[in-house]
């Protein structure tokens, strides 16, 4: 590639320099910063494109990492679309961890506002009560009120939360509905 010098030292280590730069460039493999040994292990048959960016305006996005230039290599299996969830490489498992989402109001029946006929319909909700925010008193206790399901059986209560200092806490209990 014009403007790139690849050489080998006496101890068989390869070095790469972009003409005019003093040190080794930053290497990107499918958009991820890697070292030269990762590039050396890459098969030429897997390479789709190679972009050489010399220092200046083209490398400004990389900050100080782009000072010696950037060599970007996209593989044929790489994430060309930029969305790794749609194009996983062979042998790679993509798992999206659940994160935070906006608080939503949880549906709870308002029997006092329903017609008598609607209030008599069976209520078989799987989740009986949920609240994003329950404030406890100085003893760490809180009181919540909810309408139970019409289903008979064991009910599982799971409580999870964070203290004022961010320490997590959790607890569970069961009760019987007849």
C-alpha atoms as a PDB file:
ATOM      1  CA  UNK A   1       0.000   0.000   0.000  1.00  0.00           C
ATOM      2  CA  UNK A   2       1.462   3.352  -1.001  1.00  0.00           C
ATOM      3  CA  UNK A   3       2.641   5.439   1.941  1.00  0.00           C
ATOM      4  CA  UNK A   4       2.903   2.498   4.365  1.00  0.00           C
ATOM      5  CA  UNK A   5       6.213   0.867   5.294  1.00  0.00           C
ATOM      6  CA  UNK A   6       6.126  -2.644   6.764  1.00  0.00           C
ATOM      7  CA  UNK A   7       9.431  -3.985   8.042  1.00  0.00           C
ATOM      8  CA  UNK A   8      10.683  -6.876  10.110  1.00  0.00           C
ATOM      9  CA  UNK A   9      13.191  -6.660  12.938  1.00  0.00           C
ATOM     10  CA  UNK A  10      15.962  -9.162  13.626  1.00  0.00           C
ATOM     11  CA  UNK A  11      13.770 -10.924  16.190  1.00  0.00           C
ATOM     12  CA  UNK A  12      11.056 -11.433  13.514  1.00  0.00           C
ATOM     13  CA  UNK A  13       8.733  -8.709  14.862  1.00  0.00           C
ATOM     14  CA  UNK A  14       6.881  -6.726  12.235  1.00  0.00           C
ATOM     15  CA  UNK A  15       6.576  -2.959  12.452  1.00  0.00           C
ATOM     16  CA  UNK A  16       4.263  -0.722  10.466  1.00  0.00           C
ATOM     17  CA  UNK A  17       4.776   2.991   9.815  1.00  0.00           C
ATOM     18  CA  UNK A  18       2.800   5.482   7.796  1.00  0.00           C
ATOM     19  CA  UNK A  19       5.099   7.761   5.808  1.00  0.00           C
ATOM     20  CA  UNK A  20       5.780  10.955   7.753  1.00  0.00           C
ATOM     21  CA  UNK A  21       4.769   9.502  11.149  1.00  0.00           C
ATOM     22  CA  UNK A  22       7.251   8.852  13.962  1.00  0.00           C
ATOM     23  CA  UNK A  23       5.495   5.913  15.654  1.00  0.00           C
ATOM     24  CA  UNK A  24       3.170   3.015  14.997  1.00  0.00           C
ATOM     25  CA  UNK A  25      -0.326   3.858  13.758  1.00  0.00           C
ATOM     26  CA  UNK A  26      -3.545   2.870  15.523  1.00  0.00           C
ATOM     27  CA  UNK A  27      -5.096  -0.273  14.067  1.00  0.00           C
ATOM     28  CA  UNK A  28      -8.860  -0.812  13.758  1.00  0.00           C
ATOM     29  CA  UNK A  29     -10.290  -4.216  12.915  1.00  0.00           C
ATOM     30  CA  UNK A  30     -13.991  -3.934  12.046  1.00  0.00           C
ATOM     31  CA  UNK A  31     -14.101  -0.673  14.004  1.00  0.00           C
ATOM     32  CA  UNK A  32     -12.389  -2.024  17.139  1.00  0.00           C
ATOM     33  CA  UNK A  33      -8.924  -0.869  18.242  1.00  0.00           C
ATOM     34  CA  UNK A  34      -6.475  -3.818  18.175  1.00  0.00           C
ATOM     35  CA  UNK A  35      -2.703  -4.244  18.346  1.00  0.00           C
ATOM     36  CA  UNK A  36      -0.389  -5.171  15.496  1.00  0.00           C
ATOM     37  CA  UNK A  37      -0.192  -8.838  16.597  1.00  0.00           C
ATOM     38  CA  UNK A  38      -3.935  -9.199  15.964  1.00  0.00           C
ATOM     39  CA  UNK A  39      -3.444  -7.746  12.496  1.00  0.00           C
ATOM     40  CA  UNK A  40      -0.510 -10.115  11.863  1.00  0.00           C
ATOM     41  CA  UNK A  41      -2.729 -13.104  12.693  1.00  0.00           C
ATOM     42  CA  UNK A  42      -5.383 -12.017  10.195  1.00  0.00           C
ATOM     43  CA  UNK A  43      -5.704 -14.025   6.996  1.00  0.00           C
ATOM     44  CA  UNK A  44      -5.546 -11.928   3.830  1.00  0.00           C
ATOM     45  CA  UNK A  45      -8.544 -13.908   2.564  1.00  0.00           C
ATOM     46  CA  UNK A  46     -10.694 -12.380   5.339  1.00  0.00           C
ATOM     47  CA  UNK A  47      -9.869  -8.766   4.392  1.00  0.00           C
ATOM     48  CA  UNK A  48     -12.542  -6.793   2.553  1.00  0.00           C
ATOM     49  CA  UNK A  49     -11.025  -3.276   2.607  1.00  0.00           C
ATOM     50  CA  UNK A  50      -8.068  -1.391   4.082  1.00  0.00           C
ATOM     51  CA  UNK A  51      -8.266   2.356   4.736  1.00  0.00           C
ATOM     52  CA  UNK A  52      -5.125   4.340   5.505  1.00  0.00           C
ATOM     53  CA  UNK A  53      -5.690   7.638   7.318  1.00  0.00           C
ATOM     54  CA  UNK A  54      -2.679   9.869   7.800  1.00  0.00           C
ATOM     55  CA  UNK A  55      -2.611  12.249  10.735  1.00  0.00           C
ATOM     56  CA  UNK A  56      -4.606  15.436  10.335  1.00  0.00           C
ATOM     57  CA  UNK A  57      -8.274  16.031   9.621  1.00  0.00           C
ATOM     58  CA  UNK A  58      -8.983  12.385   8.738  1.00  0.00           C
ATOM     59  CA  UNK A  59      -7.750  11.144  12.129  1.00  0.00           C
ATOM     60  CA  UNK A  60      -9.030  13.978  14.321  1.00  0.00           C
ATOM     61  CA  UNK A  61     -11.956  11.812  15.482  1.00  0.00           C
ATOM     62  CA  UNK A  62      -9.434   9.463  17.145  1.00  0.00           C
ATOM     63  CA  UNK A  63      -7.817  12.227  19.216  1.00  0.00           C
ATOM     64  CA  UNK A  64      -4.273  11.462  20.359  1.00  0.00           C
ATOM     65  CA  UNK A  65      -4.668   7.843  19.203  1.00  0.00           C
ATOM     66  CA  UNK A  66      -4.744   9.096  15.613  1.00  0.00           C
ATOM     67  CA  UNK A  67      -1.552  11.141  15.893  1.00  0.00           C
ATOM     68  CA  UNK A  68       0.544   8.539  14.083  1.00  0.00           C
ATOM     69  CA  UNK A  69      -2.214   7.714  11.601  1.00  0.00           C
ATOM     70  CA  UNK A  70      -4.896   5.036  11.559  1.00  0.00           C
ATOM     71  CA  UNK A  71      -5.121   1.832   9.557  1.00  0.00           C
ATOM     72  CA  UNK A  72      -8.693   0.547   9.424  1.00  0.00           C
ATOM     73  CA  UNK A  73      -9.297  -3.000   8.190  1.00  0.00           C
ATOM     74  CA  UNK A  74     -12.794  -4.286   7.491  1.00  0.00           C
ATOM     75  CA  UNK A  75     -13.193  -8.038   7.189  1.00  0.00           C
ATOM     76  CA  UNK A  76     -15.638  -9.900   5.003  1.00  0.00           C
ATOM     77  CA  UNK A  77     -17.343 -11.145   8.197  1.00  0.00           C
ATOM     78  CA  UNK A  78     -17.100  -7.769   9.914  1.00  0.00           C
ATOM     79  CA  UNK A  79     -19.865  -5.472  11.017  1.00  0.00           C
ATOM     80  CA  UNK A  80     -20.007  -3.305   7.921  1.00  0.00           C
ATOM     81  CA  UNK A  81     -23.535  -2.090   8.774  1.00  0.00           C
ATOM     82  CA  UNK A  82     -22.305  -0.890  12.173  1.00  0.00           C
ATOM     83  CA  UNK A  83     -24.901  -3.033  13.943  1.00  0.00           C
ATOM     84  CA  UNK A  84     -23.181  -6.034  15.495  1.00  0.00           C
ATOM     85  CA  UNK A  85     -26.512  -7.522  16.613  1.00  0.00           C
ATOM     86  CA  UNK A  86     -27.460  -8.163  12.977  1.00  0.00           C
ATOM     87  CA  UNK A  87     -24.143  -9.508  11.731  1.00  0.00           C
ATOM     88  CA  UNK A  88     -22.415 -11.697  14.326  1.00  0.00           C
ATOM     89  CA  UNK A  89     -19.094 -13.177  13.313  1.00  0.00           C
ATOM     90  CA  UNK A  90     -18.789 -16.939  13.231  1.00  0.00           C
ATOM     91  CA  UNK A  91     -18.373 -18.396  16.722  1.00  0.00           C
ATOM     92  CA  UNK A  92     -19.431 -15.185  18.482  1.00  0.00           C
ATOM     93  CA  UNK A  93     -22.478 -15.090  20.740  1.00  0.00           C
ATOM     94  CA  UNK A  94     -24.178 -11.703  20.985  1.00  0.00           C
ATOM     95  CA  UNK A  95     -26.062 -11.122  24.249  1.00  0.00           C
ATOM     96  CA  UNK A  96     -27.837  -7.898  25.077  1.00  0.00           C
ATOM     97  CA  UNK A  97     -27.974  -7.220  28.786  1.00  0.00           C
ATOM     98  CA  UNK A  98     -31.225  -5.797  30.058  1.00  0.00           C
ATOM     99  CA  UNK A  99     -30.798  -2.243  31.239  1.00  0.00           C
ATOM    100  CA  UNK A 100     -32.843   0.536  32.624  1.00  0.00           C
ATOM    101  CA  UNK A 101     -36.026   1.693  30.951  1.00  0.00           C
ATOM    102  CA  UNK A 102     -38.410   4.540  31.548  1.00  0.00           C
ATOM    103  CA  UNK A 103     -40.864   4.187  34.381  1.00  0.00           C
ATOM    104  CA  UNK A 104     -44.369   3.249  33.243  1.00  0.00           C
ATOM    105  CA  UNK A 105     -47.608   3.208  35.152  1.00  0.00           C
ATOM    106  CA  UNK A 106     -48.601  -0.322  36.101  1.00  0.00           C
ATOM    107  CA  UNK A 107     -52.244  -1.279  35.499  1.00  0.00           C
ATOM    108  CA  UNK A 108     -54.171  -2.039  38.644  1.00  0.00           C
ATOM    109  CA  UNK A 109     -57.953  -2.470  38.519  1.00  0.00           C
ATOM    110  CA  UNK A 110     -59.998   0.316  40.094  1.00  0.00           C
ATOM    111  CA  UNK A 111     -62.954  -1.757  41.275  1.00  0.00           C
ATOM    112  CA  UNK A 112     -64.590   1.220  42.982  1.00  0.00           C
ATOM    113  CA  UNK A 113     -64.946   2.933  39.562  1.00  0.00           C
ATOM    114  CA  UNK A 114     -66.154  -0.150  37.633  1.00  0.00           C
ATOM    115  CA  UNK A 115     -69.696  -1.133  36.934  1.00  0.00           C
ATOM    116  CA  UNK A 116     -71.002  -3.982  39.079  1.00  0.00           C
ATOM    117  CA  UNK A 117     -70.952  -6.300  36.062  1.00  0.00           C
ATOM    118  CA  UNK A 118     -67.307  -5.474  35.188  1.00  0.00           C
ATOM    119  CA  UNK A 119     -66.210  -5.872  38.807  1.00  0.00           C
ATOM    120  CA  UNK A 120     -67.654  -9.416  38.866  1.00  0.00           C
ATOM    121  CA  UNK A 121     -65.499 -10.606  35.943  1.00  0.00           C
ATOM    122  CA  UNK A 122     -62.689 -12.913  37.096  1.00  0.00           C
ATOM    123  CA  UNK A 123     -59.277 -11.301  37.514  1.00  0.00           C
ATOM    124  CA  UNK A 124     -56.436 -13.694  36.663  1.00  0.00           C
ATOM    125  CA  UNK A 125     -53.500 -11.297  36.325  1.00  0.00           C
ATOM    126  CA  UNK A 126     -50.084 -12.959  36.585  1.00  0.00           C
ATOM    127  CA  UNK A 127     -48.459  -9.845  38.039  1.00  0.00           C
ATOM    128  CA  UNK A 128     -50.602  -8.396  40.806  1.00  0.00           C
ATOM    129  CA  UNK A 129     -48.663  -5.294  41.793  1.00  0.00           C
ATOM    130  CA  UNK A 130     -45.585  -3.435  40.636  1.00  0.00           C
ATOM    131  CA  UNK A 131     -44.214  -0.061  41.697  1.00  0.00           C
ATOM    132  CA  UNK A 132     -41.076   1.661  40.464  1.00  0.00           C
ATOM    133  CA  UNK A 133     -40.713   3.697  43.633  1.00  0.00           C
ATOM    134  CA  UNK A 134     -41.775   2.774  47.173  1.00  0.00           C
ATOM    135  CA  UNK A 135     -40.440   5.005  49.944  1.00  0.00           C
ATOM    136  CA  UNK A 136     -39.760   3.369  53.294  1.00  0.00           C
ATOM    137  CA  UNK A 137     -39.967   4.927  56.741  1.00  0.00           C
ATOM    138  CA  UNK A 138     -36.993   5.384  59.088  1.00  0.00           C
ATOM    139  CA  UNK A 139     -37.311   1.705  60.121  1.00  0.00           C
ATOM    140  CA  UNK A 140     -37.073   0.562  56.483  1.00  0.00           C
ATOM    141  CA  UNK A 141     -40.752  -0.394  56.278  1.00  0.00           C
ATOM    142  CA  UNK A 142     -43.363   0.543  53.697  1.00  0.00           C
ATOM    143  CA  UNK A 143     -47.036  -0.279  53.216  1.00  0.00           C
ATOM    144  CA  UNK A 144     -48.588  -1.016  49.837  1.00  0.00           C
ATOM    145  CA  UNK A 145     -52.189  -1.916  49.007  1.00  0.00           C
ATOM    146  CA  UNK A 146     -53.420  -3.871  45.992  1.00  0.00           C
ATOM    147  CA  UNK A 147     -56.283  -6.054  44.788  1.00  0.00           C
ATOM    148  CA  UNK A 148     -55.379  -9.741  44.643  1.00  0.00           C
ATOM    149  CA  UNK A 149     -56.026 -12.101  41.727  1.00  0.00           C
ATOM    150  CA  UNK A 150     -59.087 -14.343  41.710  1.00  0.00           C
ATOM    151  CA  UNK A 151     -56.803 -17.325  41.115  1.00  0.00           C
ATOM    152  CA  UNK A 152     -56.428 -19.635  44.117  1.00  0.00           C
ATOM    153  CA  UNK A 153     -52.952 -20.843  44.996  1.00  0.00           C
ATOM    154  CA  UNK A 154     -49.584 -19.662  46.215  1.00  0.00           C
ATOM    155  CA  UNK A 155     -48.653 -16.061  45.503  1.00  0.00           C
ATOM    156  CA  UNK A 156     -44.990 -15.107  45.299  1.00  0.00           C
ATOM    157  CA  UNK A 157     -43.916 -11.661  46.464  1.00  0.00           C
ATOM    158  CA  UNK A 158     -40.517 -10.396  45.305  1.00  0.00           C
ATOM    159  CA  UNK A 159     -39.121  -7.073  46.508  1.00  0.00           C
ATOM    160  CA  UNK A 160     -35.960  -5.532  45.098  1.00  0.00           C
ATOM    161  CA  UNK A 161     -34.523  -2.106  45.669  1.00  0.00           C
ATOM    162  CA  UNK A 162     -31.637   0.204  46.410  1.00  0.00           C
ATOM    163  CA  UNK A 163     -30.765   1.959  49.631  1.00  0.00           C
ATOM    164  CA  UNK A 164     -30.128   5.680  49.817  1.00  0.00           C
ATOM    165  CA  UNK A 165     -26.429   4.920  49.295  1.00  0.00           C
ATOM    166  CA  UNK A 166     -27.089   2.651  46.311  1.00  0.00           C
ATOM    167  CA  UNK A 167     -26.653  -0.716  48.067  1.00  0.00           C
ATOM    168  CA  UNK A 168     -28.946  -3.354  46.522  1.00  0.00           C
ATOM    169  CA  UNK A 169     -31.390  -5.361  48.593  1.00  0.00           C
ATOM    170  CA  UNK A 170     -33.930  -8.078  47.847  1.00  0.00           C
ATOM    171  CA  UNK A 171     -36.400 -10.340  49.609  1.00  0.00           C
ATOM    172  CA  UNK A 172     -39.234 -12.736  48.861  1.00  0.00           C
ATOM    173  CA  UNK A 173     -42.192 -14.313  50.608  1.00  0.00           C
ATOM    174  CA  UNK A 174     -45.161 -16.501  49.637  1.00  0.00           C
ATOM    175  CA  UNK A 175     -48.779 -16.421  50.747  1.00  0.00           C
ATOM    176  CA  UNK A 176     -51.782 -18.615  50.022  1.00  0.00           C
ATOM    177  CA  UNK A 177     -54.978 -17.423  48.302  1.00  0.00           C
ATOM    178  CA  UNK A 178     -58.050 -19.612  48.806  1.00  0.00           C
END
